Amino acid sequence: TNEIPESVYRTLVAEANAALPTLHRYLKLRKKMLKLPDLHYYDNYPELINIGRSSPADQAIDLTLAAMKPLGDEYQGLLKEALSLRSMHTYPAEGKSSGAYQTGVYGIVPFVFLNHQDNYATMSTFAHEWGHGIHTMLAQKNQPFETAGYSLFLAELASMTNEVFLTDHMLKTSKSKDERIFYLSEALERLRGGFFRQTMFAEFELATHDALERGEALSGKKMTQMYCGLLKKYHGADAGVMQIDPQYCQEWSFIPHFYRPFYVYVYATSIAGATAFGERVLTGKPEERETFLNVLRAGGSVPPYQLLKNAGLDMATPQPYQALNKRMNAIMDEMEALLAAK
C-alpha cells in the first residue's frame, strides 16, 4: 500500500479551490494574448506565442543534460550512461503506439519509449521520461530488489522536477523577450494542466465516492451534472471568465485514468512537490540537492508520504500548494511586465 493519508487528498482539493482566482487570472491572460472576444474551453489548447523553435532529439539530449547540472555529477553521469546504451526508441514509426513512458527491470538500464516531434513539448517529455529513468537507476543502485520499486506518488514527482530544471535552464539561456514569454507560457500551461486540471479530476472522483458513501445513487446523467458543475467552477463560468459548452460536460466519460481509482490526484501532488523541490535545489545548496536525491535513492524502502515528510515536504499541509500558487502568480507578473514592454 502507498499509505497516503486521506488528508493529503482533501487538502489538495481544498487548496486548489482556494487558488482558483490564480487559474482565472491565467485564463484572462490567455484571452488577452490570443485576442479573443470570448474564451471557450477549447481555447485552453493553442500556444500563446510561436517562436518557431525546432528541437530535434540530439538537441533535446544536450539541453536536458545541461539542465540537470543542479543535480550534480552523479545524476548527469547516470543520464549519459543510459543514453549511451541506446535503450530509447525516440521517433514515431509505422505501427508504433502513441505516447511516452519508461519501464525498468531490476539490474539493467531502463527503457524509454518516446514519440519525439522536434518541438519543445516533446523535449519536455524527453526530460520527464528520463526523470523516471534516472529515478529507477538511483533506486536500483541503492536498494535491493525487494525495495527498489517506488510508488506513483513518488514517480511523477521525480519526473516533473526534471521539467522544472529544464524550464529554468531555457529561461536562463533565452535570447529574446519572445523566447522568455514562450517558456513562461509553457510553464503556466504545465501548472494549469498538471495542477488545476488534475485536481478538478480528483475532486470529481472524490465527489462520486462521497455521494456513494452518503447512500446516493449514481447514473451517467448524475455524473455528467457533477462534472459540469466542477468544469464551470474551475473555469469561472459564472463570473464570465470562460464559457463551458454543454458537450464538454461529458468529458469525464472518456478520461481513461478514471478506470484506475484515485490515480489522477498524484499528478497534482507531484507538480506541487516538484515545484517545491526544484526551487530548493536551484538555490545551489548541496544539502538541498542531496535531500532530493536521497528521496530518489530510497526507492520503496520508506512509505512515500513519510519519505517526503522526512525530506521537509508534508503534502498533507497547505504549504506546498500555496507555494505553487505563489509561483504561478510570479510567472504571470513577469509575463505581464514583458508584454507591457513589447
Protein backbone atom coordinates (compact mmCIF):
# COMPACT_ATOMS: atom_id res chain seq x y z
CA THR A 1 0.00 0.00 0.00
CA ASN A 2 1.07 3.57 -0.56
CA GLU A 3 -0.04 4.54 2.98
CA ILE A 4 -1.12 8.01 1.82
CA PRO A 5 -3.26 9.79 4.45
CA GLU A 6 -6.70 10.88 3.26
CA SER A 7 -5.78 14.38 4.47
CA VAL A 8 -3.31 14.67 1.55
CA TYR A 9 -6.16 14.27 -0.94
CA ARG A 10 -8.62 16.55 0.83
CA THR A 11 -6.00 19.25 1.48
CA LEU A 12 -5.05 19.20 -2.20
CA VAL A 13 -8.68 19.76 -3.25
CA ALA A 14 -9.23 22.49 -0.67
CA GLU A 15 -6.07 24.38 -1.63
CA ALA A 16 -6.80 24.14 -5.37
CA ASN A 17 -10.21 25.66 -4.71
CA ALA A 18 -8.63 28.45 -2.67
CA ALA A 19 -6.26 29.13 -5.59
CA LEU A 20 -8.94 29.33 -8.30
CA PRO A 21 -8.52 33.14 -8.61
CA THR A 22 -4.98 32.37 -9.87
CA LEU A 23 -6.33 30.00 -12.53
CA HIS A 24 -8.92 32.60 -13.54
CA ARG A 25 -6.16 35.20 -13.82
CA TYR A 26 -4.29 32.88 -16.18
CA LEU A 27 -7.39 32.26 -18.29
CA LYS A 28 -7.94 36.01 -18.63
CA LEU A 29 -4.30 36.36 -19.70
CA ARG A 30 -4.86 33.67 -22.35
CA LYS A 31 -7.89 35.55 -23.65
CA LYS A 32 -5.87 38.75 -23.89
CA MET A 33 -2.86 37.17 -25.60
CA LEU A 34 -4.98 35.20 -28.07
CA LYS A 35 -7.04 38.36 -28.79
CA LEU A 36 -10.35 36.55 -28.35
CA PRO A 37 -13.72 38.23 -27.70
CA ASP A 38 -14.83 35.24 -25.60
CA LEU A 39 -12.95 32.33 -24.09
CA HIS A 40 -14.21 28.78 -24.61
CA TYR A 41 -12.98 25.51 -23.11
CA TYR A 42 -11.19 24.57 -26.34
CA ASP A 43 -9.19 27.81 -26.10
CA ASN A 44 -7.08 26.17 -23.37
CA TYR A 45 -5.00 24.45 -26.04
CA PRO A 46 -3.48 26.85 -28.63
CA GLU A 47 0.06 28.09 -27.97
CA LEU A 48 0.13 31.64 -26.63
CA ILE A 49 3.16 32.54 -28.72
CA ASN A 50 5.01 30.74 -31.51
CA ILE A 51 8.77 31.25 -31.68
CA GLY A 52 9.29 28.75 -34.49
CA ARG A 53 11.64 26.65 -32.40
CA SER A 54 12.74 23.21 -33.59
CA SER A 55 14.11 20.77 -31.00
CA PRO A 56 15.46 17.60 -32.66
CA ALA A 57 16.38 14.67 -30.44
CA ASP A 58 20.12 15.39 -30.30
CA GLN A 59 19.34 18.90 -29.08
CA ALA A 60 16.87 17.55 -26.52
CA ILE A 61 19.65 15.32 -25.19
CA ASP A 62 22.18 18.17 -24.93
CA LEU A 63 19.73 20.63 -23.34
CA THR A 64 18.40 18.09 -20.86
CA LEU A 65 21.92 17.13 -19.80
CA ALA A 66 22.79 20.81 -19.33
CA ALA A 67 19.54 21.47 -17.44
CA MET A 68 20.32 18.68 -14.95
CA LYS A 69 23.56 20.35 -13.81
CA PRO A 70 21.99 21.46 -10.48
CA LEU A 71 21.52 17.76 -9.63
CA GLY A 72 25.25 17.14 -9.74
CA ASP A 73 27.76 14.83 -11.39
CA GLU A 74 26.22 11.51 -10.34
CA TYR A 75 22.82 12.33 -11.85
CA GLN A 76 24.29 13.69 -15.08
CA GLY A 77 26.65 10.70 -15.27
CA LEU A 78 23.81 8.20 -14.98
CA LEU A 79 21.88 10.01 -17.70
CA LYS A 80 24.91 9.98 -20.02
CA GLU A 81 25.46 6.28 -19.28
CA ALA A 82 21.84 5.39 -20.02
CA LEU A 83 21.78 7.39 -23.25
CA SER A 84 25.00 5.73 -24.43
CA LEU A 85 23.37 2.29 -24.13
CA ARG A 86 20.71 3.14 -26.72
CA SER A 87 17.80 1.92 -24.59
CA MET A 88 15.43 4.52 -26.07
CA HIS A 89 13.12 4.50 -29.09
CA THR A 90 12.77 8.17 -29.93
CA TYR A 91 10.73 8.93 -33.05
CA PRO A 92 7.30 7.81 -34.30
CA ALA A 93 7.27 4.84 -36.67
CA GLU A 94 4.71 2.89 -38.64
CA GLY A 95 2.77 0.63 -36.31
CA LYS A 96 4.19 2.28 -33.19
CA SER A 97 1.73 3.28 -30.49
CA SER A 98 1.43 6.88 -29.33
CA GLY A 99 2.54 8.39 -26.04
CA ALA A 100 5.69 8.12 -23.94
CA TYR A 101 6.70 6.01 -20.98
CA GLN A 102 9.61 4.46 -19.11
CA THR A 103 9.88 0.91 -17.91
CA GLY A 104 12.53 -0.53 -15.63
CA VAL A 105 13.75 -4.06 -14.94
CA TYR A 106 15.97 -4.57 -11.91
CA GLY A 107 19.64 -4.79 -12.81
CA ILE A 108 19.53 -3.33 -16.32
CA VAL A 109 19.27 0.17 -17.77
CA PRO A 110 15.67 1.49 -18.05
CA PHE A 111 13.90 1.51 -21.40
CA VAL A 112 12.34 4.79 -22.57
CA PHE A 113 9.64 4.91 -25.24
CA LEU A 114 9.05 8.29 -26.93
CA ASN A 115 7.33 9.83 -29.94
CA HIS A 116 9.56 12.87 -30.38
CA GLN A 117 8.14 15.61 -32.64
CA ASP A 118 11.14 18.00 -32.68
CA ASN A 119 9.27 20.58 -30.60
CA TYR A 120 9.55 21.97 -27.09
CA ALA A 121 6.60 19.97 -25.76
CA THR A 122 8.24 16.66 -26.66
CA MET A 123 11.61 17.90 -25.41
CA SER A 124 9.88 18.40 -22.05
CA THR A 125 8.54 14.86 -22.38
CA PHE A 126 12.10 13.65 -23.01
CA ALA A 127 13.27 15.29 -19.77
CA HIS A 128 10.19 13.96 -17.95
CA GLU A 129 10.63 10.33 -19.02
CA TRP A 130 14.34 10.35 -18.22
CA GLY A 131 13.38 11.70 -14.80
CA HIS A 132 11.64 8.36 -14.34
CA GLY A 133 14.64 6.57 -15.83
CA ILE A 134 17.24 8.08 -13.52
CA HIS A 135 14.91 7.66 -10.54
CA THR A 136 14.83 3.95 -11.42
CA MET A 137 18.63 3.80 -11.75
CA LEU A 138 19.25 5.59 -8.45
CA ALA A 139 16.76 3.39 -6.61
CA GLN A 140 18.26 0.20 -8.05
CA LYS A 141 21.79 1.39 -7.30
CA ASN A 142 20.92 1.95 -3.63
CA GLN A 143 18.23 -0.64 -2.85
CA PRO A 144 17.89 -4.41 -3.08
CA PHE A 145 15.32 -5.86 -5.44
CA GLU A 146 12.66 -6.01 -2.71
CA THR A 147 12.63 -2.25 -2.02
CA ALA A 148 13.83 -0.75 -5.31
CA GLY A 149 10.32 -0.31 -6.74
CA TYR A 150 8.69 3.04 -5.95
CA SER A 151 5.10 4.25 -5.86
CA LEU A 152 3.37 6.52 -8.36
CA PHE A 153 3.20 9.15 -5.59
CA LEU A 154 7.00 9.49 -5.92
CA ALA A 155 7.42 8.60 -9.60
CA GLU A 156 5.65 11.62 -11.07
CA LEU A 157 7.34 13.97 -8.61
CA ALA A 158 10.76 12.81 -9.81
CA SER A 159 9.91 13.26 -13.48
CA MET A 160 8.15 16.60 -13.06
CA THR A 161 11.12 18.01 -11.15
CA ASN A 162 13.17 17.45 -14.31
CA GLU A 163 10.69 19.65 -16.17
CA VAL A 164 11.26 22.38 -13.57
CA PHE A 165 15.02 22.22 -14.22
CA LEU A 166 14.53 22.27 -17.99
CA THR A 167 12.30 25.35 -17.79
CA ASP A 168 14.82 27.10 -15.55
CA HIS A 169 17.65 26.33 -17.99
CA MET A 170 15.67 27.52 -21.01
CA LEU A 171 14.76 30.76 -19.26
CA LYS A 172 18.36 31.40 -18.23
CA THR A 173 19.59 30.86 -21.80
CA SER A 174 16.73 32.61 -23.64
CA LYS A 175 17.89 35.31 -26.05
CA SER A 176 14.78 37.43 -26.62
CA LYS A 177 11.60 38.65 -24.92
CA ASP A 178 9.51 36.40 -27.13
CA GLU A 179 11.57 33.35 -26.15
CA ARG A 180 11.19 34.18 -22.48
CA ILE A 181 7.44 34.71 -22.87
CA PHE A 182 7.21 31.35 -24.66
CA TYR A 183 8.97 29.41 -21.88
CA LEU A 184 7.00 31.21 -19.18
CA SER A 185 3.76 30.45 -21.01
CA GLU A 186 4.74 26.78 -21.28
CA ALA A 187 5.39 26.73 -17.52
CA LEU A 188 1.97 28.27 -16.88
CA GLU A 189 0.26 25.74 -19.10
CA ARG A 190 2.02 22.93 -17.26
CA LEU A 191 0.69 24.30 -13.96
CA ARG A 192 -2.82 24.64 -15.37
CA GLY A 193 -2.85 21.14 -16.83
CA GLY A 194 -0.81 19.41 -14.16
CA PHE A 195 -2.25 21.03 -11.06
CA PHE A 196 -5.67 22.57 -11.65
CA ARG A 197 -6.99 20.18 -14.31
CA GLN A 198 -5.81 17.08 -12.45
CA THR A 199 -7.21 18.36 -9.15
CA MET A 200 -10.54 19.02 -10.89
CA PHE A 201 -10.48 15.38 -11.98
CA ALA A 202 -9.56 14.34 -8.44
CA GLU A 203 -12.38 16.42 -6.95
CA PHE A 204 -14.85 14.77 -9.35
CA GLU A 205 -13.63 11.32 -8.36
CA LEU A 206 -13.85 12.23 -4.67
CA ALA A 207 -17.37 13.64 -5.14
CA THR A 208 -18.60 10.41 -6.72
CA HIS A 209 -17.23 8.30 -3.87
CA ASP A 210 -18.55 10.70 -1.22
CA ALA A 211 -22.00 10.55 -2.86
CA LEU A 212 -21.98 6.75 -2.73
CA GLU A 213 -20.94 6.80 0.92
CA ARG A 214 -23.95 9.04 1.61
CA GLY A 215 -26.14 6.36 0.05
CA GLU A 216 -26.88 8.30 -3.14
CA ALA A 217 -27.34 6.54 -6.46
CA LEU A 218 -25.09 7.45 -9.39
CA SER A 219 -26.00 7.47 -13.06
CA GLY A 220 -24.37 8.78 -16.22
CA LYS A 221 -26.69 11.79 -16.11
CA LYS A 222 -25.88 12.49 -12.45
CA MET A 223 -22.12 12.19 -13.04
CA THR A 224 -22.34 14.50 -16.05
CA GLN A 225 -24.10 17.08 -13.87
CA MET A 226 -21.43 16.73 -11.18
CA TYR A 227 -18.60 17.08 -13.68
CA CYS A 228 -20.28 20.04 -15.38
CA GLY A 229 -20.51 21.89 -12.07
CA LEU A 230 -16.79 21.39 -11.49
CA LEU A 231 -15.88 22.48 -15.03
CA LYS A 232 -17.83 25.69 -14.53
CA LYS A 233 -16.41 26.32 -11.05
CA TYR A 234 -12.78 25.74 -12.03
CA HIS A 235 -13.02 27.83 -15.20
CA GLY A 236 -15.01 30.72 -13.75
CA ALA A 237 -18.08 30.28 -15.95
CA ASP A 238 -20.43 32.13 -13.60
CA ALA A 239 -18.00 35.07 -13.44
CA GLY A 240 -17.74 35.22 -17.23
CA VAL A 241 -14.12 34.03 -17.34
CA MET A 242 -14.74 31.10 -19.71
CA GLN A 243 -17.74 29.60 -21.46
CA ILE A 244 -18.29 25.88 -20.95
CA ASP A 245 -20.16 24.47 -23.94
CA PRO A 246 -22.57 21.65 -22.94
CA GLN A 247 -20.79 18.86 -24.82
CA TYR A 248 -17.71 19.21 -22.58
CA CYS A 249 -19.78 18.19 -19.55
CA GLN A 250 -19.46 14.59 -20.76
CA GLU A 251 -15.66 14.77 -20.84
CA TRP A 252 -15.45 12.66 -17.67
CA SER A 253 -16.70 9.60 -19.57
CA PHE A 254 -13.68 9.30 -21.86
CA ILE A 255 -10.83 10.05 -19.44
CA PRO A 256 -9.09 6.66 -19.15
CA HIS A 257 -7.35 7.48 -15.85
CA PHE A 258 -10.70 7.22 -14.06
CA TYR A 259 -10.55 3.47 -14.64
CA ARG A 260 -7.69 3.39 -12.13
CA PRO A 261 -9.22 4.55 -8.83
CA PHE A 262 -7.55 7.53 -7.15
CA TYR A 263 -4.83 7.86 -9.75
CA VAL A 264 -5.22 11.40 -11.06
CA TYR A 265 -4.58 13.25 -7.78
CA VAL A 266 -0.95 12.09 -7.86
CA TYR A 267 -0.21 14.33 -10.85
CA ALA A 268 -1.36 17.36 -8.86
CA THR A 269 0.52 16.50 -5.66
CA SER A 270 3.57 15.70 -7.78
CA ILE A 271 3.69 19.02 -9.62
CA ALA A 272 3.38 20.81 -6.28
CA GLY A 273 6.17 18.69 -4.83
CA ALA A 274 8.31 19.12 -7.94
CA THR A 275 7.91 22.89 -7.79
CA ALA A 276 8.99 22.88 -4.14
CA PHE A 277 11.99 20.57 -4.62
CA GLY A 278 13.01 22.35 -7.82
CA GLU A 279 13.12 25.73 -6.12
CA ARG A 280 15.06 24.28 -3.19
CA VAL A 281 17.67 22.56 -5.38
CA LEU A 282 18.05 25.65 -7.57
CA THR A 283 19.24 27.63 -4.54
CA GLY A 284 22.52 25.82 -5.22
CA LYS A 285 22.93 24.45 -1.69
CA PRO A 286 24.46 20.93 -1.81
CA GLU A 287 22.34 19.76 1.12
CA GLU A 288 19.13 20.59 -0.78
CA ARG A 289 20.33 18.60 -3.78
CA GLU A 290 21.25 15.63 -1.58
CA THR A 291 17.88 15.74 0.19
CA PHE A 292 16.12 15.42 -3.17
CA LEU A 293 18.48 12.73 -4.47
CA ASN A 294 18.04 10.74 -1.26
CA VAL A 295 14.30 10.66 -1.94
CA LEU A 296 15.07 9.08 -5.32
CA ARG A 297 17.66 6.70 -3.86
CA ALA A 298 15.18 5.44 -1.26
CA GLY A 299 13.00 3.68 -3.85
CA GLY A 300 10.22 1.96 -1.93
CA SER A 301 12.14 1.44 1.31
CA VAL A 302 10.06 4.07 3.15
CA PRO A 303 6.33 4.76 2.62
CA PRO A 304 6.17 7.66 0.12
CA TYR A 305 4.26 10.19 2.23
CA GLN A 306 6.63 9.66 5.15
CA LEU A 307 9.66 9.79 2.85
CA LEU A 308 8.66 13.23 1.55
CA LYS A 309 7.78 14.41 5.06
CA ASN A 310 11.24 13.33 6.25
CA ALA A 311 12.66 15.45 3.41
CA GLY A 312 10.76 18.52 4.63
CA LEU A 313 7.75 18.28 2.32
CA ASP A 314 4.46 17.47 4.04
CA MET A 315 1.85 17.00 1.32
CA ALA A 316 -0.95 16.91 3.92
CA THR A 317 -0.38 20.60 4.72
CA PRO A 318 -1.36 23.66 2.65
CA GLN A 319 2.23 24.89 2.25
CA PRO A 320 3.31 23.03 -0.94
CA TYR A 321 0.12 24.00 -2.76
CA GLN A 322 0.31 27.61 -1.62
CA ALA A 323 3.92 27.76 -2.82
CA LEU A 324 2.80 26.54 -6.26
CA ASN A 325 0.09 29.20 -6.31
CA LYS A 326 2.67 31.86 -5.44
CA ARG A 327 4.97 30.58 -8.19
CA MET A 328 2.20 30.73 -10.80
CA ASN A 329 1.36 34.32 -9.88
CA ALA A 330 5.04 35.29 -10.04
CA ILE A 331 5.29 33.86 -13.57
CA MET A 332 2.24 35.88 -14.62
CA ASP A 333 3.69 39.03 -13.04
CA GLU A 334 6.79 38.62 -15.20
CA MET A 335 4.82 37.78 -18.34
CA GLU A 336 2.59 40.81 -17.96
CA ALA A 337 5.63 43.04 -17.45
CA LEU A 338 7.28 41.62 -20.59
CA LEU A 339 4.10 42.05 -22.62
CA ALA A 340 3.71 45.64 -21.42
CA ALA A 341 7.29 46.40 -22.52
CA LYS A 342 6.86 44.98 -26.05
